[in-house]
């Protein structure tokens, strides 16, 4: 696990994923996958807490394959 004691997590970009998920690109260089299904009741716009994303899994960048 990474040490976030000196890093304030920040979301740079969010891209929709299938099945109500989003890929969040963070300032530490990681792409994290967050399940947004539990948050659908809040309307179309949802504010994502950056610290909540630290519990989400780090995944391979889904756009990397399309950019090569």
PDB file of N, CA and C in Angstrom:
ATOM      1  N   UNK A   1       0.840  -1.178   0.000  1.00  0.00           N
ATOM      2  CA  UNK A   1       0.000   0.000   0.000  1.00  0.00           C
ATOM      3  C   UNK A   1       0.884   1.240   0.000  1.00  0.00           C
ATOM      4  N   UNK A   2       0.450   2.239  -0.732  1.00  0.00           N
ATOM      5  CA  UNK A   2       1.213   3.477  -0.820  1.00  0.00           C
ATOM      6  C   UNK A   2       1.060   4.315   0.442  1.00  0.00           C
ATOM      7  N   UNK A   3       2.064   5.143   0.710  1.00  0.00           N
ATOM      8  CA  UNK A   3       2.022   6.050   1.852  1.00  0.00           C
ATOM      9  C   UNK A   3       1.434   7.382   1.392  1.00  0.00           C
ATOM     10  N   UNK A   4       0.237   7.687   1.868  1.00  0.00           N
ATOM     11  CA  UNK A   4      -0.437   8.927   1.485  1.00  0.00           C
ATOM     12  C   UNK A   4      -0.330   9.995   2.565  1.00  0.00           C
ATOM     13  N   UNK A   5       0.583   9.840   3.518  1.00  0.00           N
ATOM     14  CA  UNK A   5       0.690  10.786   4.612  1.00  0.00           C
ATOM     15  C   UNK A   5       1.119  12.176   4.141  1.00  0.00           C
ATOM     16  N   UNK A   6       1.823  12.247   3.008  1.00  0.00           N
ATOM     17  CA  UNK A   6       2.265  13.542   2.500  1.00  0.00           C
ATOM     18  C   UNK A   6       1.608  13.913   1.173  1.00  0.00           C
ATOM     19  N   UNK A   7       0.622  13.162   0.766  1.00  0.00           N
ATOM     20  CA  UNK A   7      -0.049  13.418  -0.504  1.00  0.00           C
ATOM     21  C   UNK A   7      -1.531  13.636  -0.249  1.00  0.00           C
ATOM     22  N   UNK A   8      -2.050  14.767  -0.689  1.00  0.00           N
ATOM     23  CA  UNK A   8      -3.483  15.003  -0.618  1.00  0.00           C
ATOM     24  C   UNK A   8      -4.069  14.497  -1.934  1.00  0.00           C
ATOM     25  N   UNK A   9      -4.909  13.466  -1.899  1.00  0.00           N
ATOM     26  CA  UNK A   9      -5.416  12.899  -3.148  1.00  0.00           C
ATOM     27  C   UNK A   9      -6.297  13.884  -3.898  1.00  0.00           C
ATOM     28  N   UNK A  10      -6.091  13.931  -5.196  1.00  0.00           N
ATOM     29  CA  UNK A  10      -6.867  14.817  -6.058  1.00  0.00           C
ATOM     30  C   UNK A  10      -7.252  14.056  -7.319  1.00  0.00           C
ATOM     31  N   UNK A  11      -8.479  14.254  -7.744  1.00  0.00           N
ATOM     32  CA  UNK A  11      -8.968  13.613  -8.964  1.00  0.00           C
ATOM     33  C   UNK A  11      -8.717  14.571 -10.125  1.00  0.00           C
ATOM     34  N   UNK A  12      -7.979  14.092 -11.133  1.00  0.00           N
ATOM     35  CA  UNK A  12      -7.710  14.905 -12.313  1.00  0.00           C
ATOM     36  C   UNK A  12      -8.774  14.743 -13.381  1.00  0.00           C
ATOM     37  N   UNK A  13      -9.270  13.516 -13.538  1.00  0.00           N
ATOM     38  CA  UNK A  13     -10.231  13.239 -14.608  1.00  0.00           C
ATOM     39  C   UNK A  13     -11.044  12.008 -14.236  1.00  0.00           C
ATOM     40  N   UNK A  14     -12.305  12.002 -14.657  1.00  0.00           N
ATOM     41  CA  UNK A  14     -13.191  10.862 -14.429  1.00  0.00           C
ATOM     42  C   UNK A  14     -13.800  10.460 -15.765  1.00  0.00           C
ATOM     43  N   UNK A  15     -13.767   9.158 -16.057  1.00  0.00           N
ATOM     44  CA  UNK A  15     -14.313   8.625 -17.306  1.00  0.00           C
ATOM     45  C   UNK A  15     -15.289   7.517 -16.954  1.00  0.00           C
ATOM     46  N   UNK A  16     -16.483   7.526 -17.565  1.00  0.00           N
ATOM     47  CA  UNK A  16     -17.458   6.474 -17.248  1.00  0.00           C
ATOM     48  C   UNK A  16     -16.968   5.086 -17.662  1.00  0.00           C
ATOM     49  N   UNK A  17     -17.309   4.119 -16.847  1.00  0.00           N
ATOM     50  CA  UNK A  17     -17.049   2.713 -17.137  1.00  0.00           C
ATOM     51  C   UNK A  17     -18.405   2.015 -17.204  1.00  0.00           C
ATOM     52  N   UNK A  18     -18.421   0.795 -17.653  1.00  0.00           N
ATOM     53  CA  UNK A  18     -19.670   0.061 -17.724  1.00  0.00           C
ATOM     54  C   UNK A  18     -20.215  -0.267 -16.339  1.00  0.00           C
ATOM     55  N   UNK A  19     -21.483  -0.614 -16.281  1.00  0.00           N
ATOM     56  CA  UNK A  19     -22.144  -1.045 -15.054  1.00  0.00           C
ATOM     57  C   UNK A  19     -22.048  -0.012 -13.927  1.00  0.00           C
ATOM     58  N   UNK A  20     -22.283   1.252 -14.248  1.00  0.00           N
ATOM     59  CA  UNK A  20     -22.341   2.339 -13.260  1.00  0.00           C
ATOM     60  C   UNK A  20     -21.035   2.544 -12.519  1.00  0.00           C
ATOM     61  N   UNK A  21     -19.932   2.325 -13.174  1.00  0.00           N
ATOM     62  CA  UNK A  21     -18.627   2.568 -12.577  1.00  0.00           C
ATOM     63  C   UNK A  21     -17.959   3.756 -13.244  1.00  0.00           C
ATOM     64  N   UNK A  22     -16.931   4.274 -12.610  1.00  0.00           N
ATOM     65  CA  UNK A  22     -16.122   5.331 -13.213  1.00  0.00           C
ATOM     66  C   UNK A  22     -14.653   5.019 -12.981  1.00  0.00           C
ATOM     67  N   UNK A  23     -13.834   5.401 -13.946  1.00  0.00           N
ATOM     68  CA  UNK A  23     -12.392   5.369 -13.790  1.00  0.00           C
ATOM     69  C   UNK A  23     -11.980   6.762 -13.338  1.00  0.00           C
ATOM     70  N   UNK A  24     -11.318   6.846 -12.212  1.00  0.00           N
ATOM     71  CA  UNK A  24     -10.848   8.127 -11.688  1.00  0.00           C
ATOM     72  C   UNK A  24      -9.331   8.157 -11.810  1.00  0.00           C
ATOM     73  N   UNK A  25      -8.834   9.171 -12.494  1.00  0.00           N
ATOM     74  CA  UNK A  25      -7.392   9.356 -12.659  1.00  0.00           C
ATOM     75  C   UNK A  25      -6.915  10.313 -11.575  1.00  0.00           C
ATOM     76  N   UNK A  26      -5.966   9.833 -10.767  1.00  0.00           N
ATOM     77  CA  UNK A  26      -5.543  10.553  -9.578  1.00  0.00           C
ATOM     78  C   UNK A  26      -4.199  11.255  -9.784  1.00  0.00           C
ATOM     79  N   UNK A  27      -3.888  12.187  -8.884  1.00  0.00           N
ATOM     80  CA  UNK A  27      -2.633  12.924  -8.977  1.00  0.00           C
ATOM     81  C   UNK A  27      -1.410  12.093  -8.607  1.00  0.00           C
ATOM     82  N   UNK A  28      -1.615  10.878  -8.111  1.00  0.00           N
ATOM     83  CA  UNK A  28      -0.469   9.993  -7.845  1.00  0.00           C
ATOM     84  C   UNK A  28      -0.161   9.106  -9.051  1.00  0.00           C
ATOM     85  N   UNK A  29      -0.895   9.305 -10.156  1.00  0.00           N
ATOM     86  CA  UNK A  29      -0.662   8.545 -11.372  1.00  0.00           C
ATOM     87  C   UNK A  29      -1.502   7.289 -11.490  1.00  0.00           C
ATOM     88  N   UNK A  30      -2.283   6.973 -10.485  1.00  0.00           N
ATOM     89  CA  UNK A  30      -3.092   5.750 -10.489  1.00  0.00           C
ATOM     90  C   UNK A  30      -4.444   5.991 -11.158  1.00  0.00           C
ATOM     91  N   UNK A  31      -4.938   4.937 -11.782  1.00  0.00           N
ATOM     92  CA  UNK A  31      -6.315   4.910 -12.273  1.00  0.00           C
ATOM     93  C   UNK A  31      -7.078   3.993 -11.325  1.00  0.00           C
ATOM     94  N   UNK A  32      -8.158   4.488 -10.750  1.00  0.00           N
ATOM     95  CA  UNK A  32      -8.941   3.707  -9.787  1.00  0.00           C
ATOM     96  C   UNK A  32     -10.351   3.523 -10.319  1.00  0.00           C
ATOM     97  N   UNK A  33     -10.916   2.360 -10.038  1.00  0.00           N
ATOM     98  CA  UNK A  33     -12.263   2.043 -10.487  1.00  0.00           C
ATOM     99  C   UNK A  33     -13.217   2.143  -9.300  1.00  0.00           C
ATOM    100  N   UNK A  34     -14.226   3.015  -9.426  1.00  0.00           N
ATOM    101  CA  UNK A  34     -15.200   3.205  -8.353  1.00  0.00           C
ATOM    102  C   UNK A  34     -16.584   2.811  -8.834  1.00  0.00           C
ATOM    103  N   UNK A  35     -17.263   2.008  -8.025  1.00  0.00           N
ATOM    104  CA  UNK A  35     -18.637   1.600  -8.305  1.00  0.00           C
ATOM    105  C   UNK A  35     -19.557   2.735  -7.879  1.00  0.00           C
ATOM    106  N   UNK A  36     -20.262   3.326  -8.831  1.00  0.00           N
ATOM    107  CA  UNK A  36     -21.145   4.456  -8.541  1.00  0.00           C
ATOM    108  C   UNK A  36     -22.597   4.025  -8.337  1.00  0.00           C
ATOM    109  N   UNK A  37     -22.901   2.741  -8.457  1.00  0.00           N
ATOM    110  CA  UNK A  37     -24.277   2.268  -8.312  1.00  0.00           C
ATOM    111  C   UNK A  37     -24.898   2.677  -6.975  1.00  0.00           C
ATOM    112  N   UNK A  38     -24.187   2.592  -5.848  1.00  0.00           N
ATOM    113  CA  UNK A  38     -24.797   3.006  -4.582  1.00  0.00           C
ATOM    114  C   UNK A  38     -25.094   4.505  -4.510  1.00  0.00           C
ATOM    115  N   UNK A  39     -24.493   5.292  -5.389  1.00  0.00           N
ATOM    116  CA  UNK A  39     -24.662   6.744  -5.357  1.00  0.00           C
ATOM    117  C   UNK A  39     -25.642   7.255  -6.394  1.00  0.00           C
ATOM    118  N   UNK A  40     -26.310   6.366  -7.118  1.00  0.00           N
ATOM    119  CA  UNK A  40     -27.233   6.778  -8.177  1.00  0.00           C
ATOM    120  C   UNK A  40     -28.434   7.547  -7.655  1.00  0.00           C
ATOM    121  N   UNK A  41     -28.805   7.357  -6.405  1.00  0.00           N
ATOM    122  CA  UNK A  41     -29.970   8.035  -5.848  1.00  0.00           C
ATOM    123  C   UNK A  41     -29.754   9.527  -5.659  1.00  0.00           C
ATOM    124  N   UNK A  42     -28.538   9.991  -5.821  1.00  0.00           N
ATOM    125  CA  UNK A  42     -28.208  11.397  -5.585  1.00  0.00           C
ATOM    126  C   UNK A  42     -28.382  12.262  -6.835  1.00  0.00           C
ATOM    127  N   UNK A  43     -28.897  11.729  -7.906  1.00  0.00           N
ATOM    128  CA  UNK A  43     -29.075  12.503  -9.126  1.00  0.00           C
ATOM    129  C   UNK A  43     -27.978  12.238 -10.136  1.00  0.00           C
ATOM    130  N   UNK A  44     -27.910  13.108 -11.143  1.00  0.00           N
ATOM    131  CA  UNK A  44     -26.962  12.923 -12.235  1.00  0.00           C
ATOM    132  C   UNK A  44     -25.544  13.350 -11.880  1.00  0.00           C
ATOM    133  N   UNK A  45     -25.396  14.338 -11.028  1.00  0.00           N
ATOM    134  CA  UNK A  45     -24.074  14.857 -10.692  1.00  0.00           C
ATOM    135  C   UNK A  45     -23.710  14.409  -9.285  1.00  0.00           C
ATOM    136  N   UNK A  46     -22.567  13.760  -9.156  1.00  0.00           N
ATOM    137  CA  UNK A  46     -22.122  13.245  -7.861  1.00  0.00           C
ATOM    138  C   UNK A  46     -20.729  13.782  -7.595  1.00  0.00           C
ATOM    139  N   UNK A  47     -20.541  14.349  -6.413  1.00  0.00           N
ATOM    140  CA  UNK A  47     -19.220  14.813  -5.997  1.00  0.00           C
ATOM    141  C   UNK A  47     -18.477  13.629  -5.372  1.00  0.00           C
ATOM    142  N   UNK A  48     -17.342  13.278  -5.945  1.00  0.00           N
ATOM    143  CA  UNK A  48     -16.568  12.144  -5.454  1.00  0.00           C
ATOM    144  C   UNK A  48     -15.540  12.641  -4.447  1.00  0.00           C
ATOM    145  N   UNK A  49     -15.585  12.100  -3.257  1.00  0.00           N
ATOM    146  CA  UNK A  49     -14.609  12.434  -2.220  1.00  0.00           C
ATOM    147  C   UNK A  49     -13.283  11.748  -2.550  1.00  0.00           C
ATOM    148  N   UNK A  50     -12.209  12.523  -2.761  1.00  0.00           N
ATOM    149  CA  UNK A  50     -10.933  11.906  -3.141  1.00  0.00           C
ATOM    150  C   UNK A  50     -10.427  10.865  -2.149  1.00  0.00           C
ATOM    151  N   UNK A  51     -10.637  11.072  -0.857  1.00  0.00           N
ATOM    152  CA  UNK A  51     -10.156  10.097   0.123  1.00  0.00           C
ATOM    153  C   UNK A  51     -10.925   8.785   0.021  1.00  0.00           C
ATOM    154  N   UNK A  52     -12.190   8.832  -0.403  1.00  0.00           N
ATOM    155  CA  UNK A  52     -12.974   7.604  -0.584  1.00  0.00           C
ATOM    156  C   UNK A  52     -12.395   6.759  -1.717  1.00  0.00           C
ATOM    157  N   UNK A  53     -11.785   7.402  -2.691  1.00  0.00           N
ATOM    158  CA  UNK A  53     -11.197   6.680  -3.816  1.00  0.00           C
ATOM    159  C   UNK A  53      -9.971   5.870  -3.413  1.00  0.00           C
ATOM    160  N   UNK A  54      -9.344   6.222  -2.316  1.00  0.00           N
ATOM    161  CA  UNK A  54      -8.161   5.481  -1.884  1.00  0.00           C
ATOM    162  C   UNK A  54      -8.500   4.047  -1.509  1.00  0.00           C
ATOM    163  N   UNK A  55      -9.773   3.779  -1.195  1.00  0.00           N
ATOM    164  CA  UNK A  55     -10.212   2.419  -0.885  1.00  0.00           C
ATOM    165  C   UNK A  55     -10.590   1.624  -2.136  1.00  0.00           C
ATOM    166  N   UNK A  56     -10.667   2.295  -3.275  1.00  0.00           N
ATOM    167  CA  UNK A  56     -11.038   1.633  -4.524  1.00  0.00           C
ATOM    168  C   UNK A  56      -9.803   0.982  -5.156  1.00  0.00           C
ATOM    169  N   UNK A  57     -10.023  -0.080  -5.914  1.00  0.00           N
ATOM    170  CA  UNK A  57      -8.870  -0.781  -6.494  1.00  0.00           C
ATOM    171  C   UNK A  57      -8.166   0.032  -7.582  1.00  0.00           C
ATOM    172  N   UNK A  58      -6.847  -0.096  -7.608  1.00  0.00           N
ATOM    173  CA  UNK A  58      -6.063   0.478  -8.697  1.00  0.00           C
ATOM    174  C   UNK A  58      -6.157  -0.494  -9.869  1.00  0.00           C
ATOM    175  N   UNK A  59      -6.458   0.037 -11.050  1.00  0.00           N
ATOM    176  CA  UNK A  59      -6.633  -0.799 -12.234  1.00  0.00           C
ATOM    177  C   UNK A  59      -5.706  -0.324 -13.345  1.00  0.00           C
ATOM    178  N   UNK A  60      -5.526  -1.174 -14.351  1.00  0.00           N
ATOM    179  CA  UNK A  60      -4.785  -0.763 -15.535  1.00  0.00           C
ATOM    180  C   UNK A  60      -5.566   0.346 -16.235  1.00  0.00           C
ATOM    181  N   UNK A  61      -4.855   1.282 -16.799  1.00  0.00           N
ATOM    182  CA  UNK A  61      -5.485   2.404 -17.495  1.00  0.00           C
ATOM    183  C   UNK A  61      -6.252   1.876 -18.703  1.00  0.00           C
ATOM    184  N   UNK A  62      -7.579   2.019 -18.730  1.00  0.00           N
ATOM    185  CA  UNK A  62      -8.351   1.482 -19.848  1.00  0.00           C
ATOM    186  C   UNK A  62      -8.115   2.239 -21.152  1.00  0.00           C
ATOM    187  N   UNK A  63      -7.628   3.470 -21.082  1.00  0.00           N
ATOM    188  CA  UNK A  63      -7.387   4.253 -22.300  1.00  0.00           C
ATOM    189  C   UNK A  63      -6.026   3.965 -22.919  1.00  0.00           C
ATOM    190  N   UNK A  64      -5.144   3.339 -22.160  1.00  0.00           N
ATOM    191  CA  UNK A  64      -3.798   3.087 -22.668  1.00  0.00           C
ATOM    192  C   UNK A  64      -3.814   2.274 -23.953  1.00  0.00           C
ATOM    193  N   UNK A  65      -4.703   1.286 -24.030  1.00  0.00           N
ATOM    194  CA  UNK A  65      -4.789   0.447 -25.219  1.00  0.00           C
ATOM    195  C   UNK A  65      -5.272   1.234 -26.433  1.00  0.00           C
ATOM    196  N   UNK A  66      -6.168   2.203 -26.220  1.00  0.00           N
ATOM    197  CA  UNK A  66      -6.719   2.966 -27.342  1.00  0.00           C
ATOM    198  C   UNK A  66      -5.751   4.036 -27.825  1.00  0.00           C
ATOM    199  N   UNK A  67      -4.815   4.453 -26.971  1.00  0.00           N
ATOM    200  CA  UNK A  67      -3.877   5.510 -27.347  1.00  0.00           C
ATOM    201  C   UNK A  67      -2.627   4.970 -28.032  1.00  0.00           C
ATOM    202  N   UNK A  68      -2.398   3.671 -27.926  1.00  0.00           N
ATOM    203  CA  UNK A  68      -1.185   3.092 -28.535  1.00  0.00           C
ATOM    204  C   UNK A  68      -1.378   2.801 -29.996  1.00  0.00           C
TER     205      UNK A  68
END
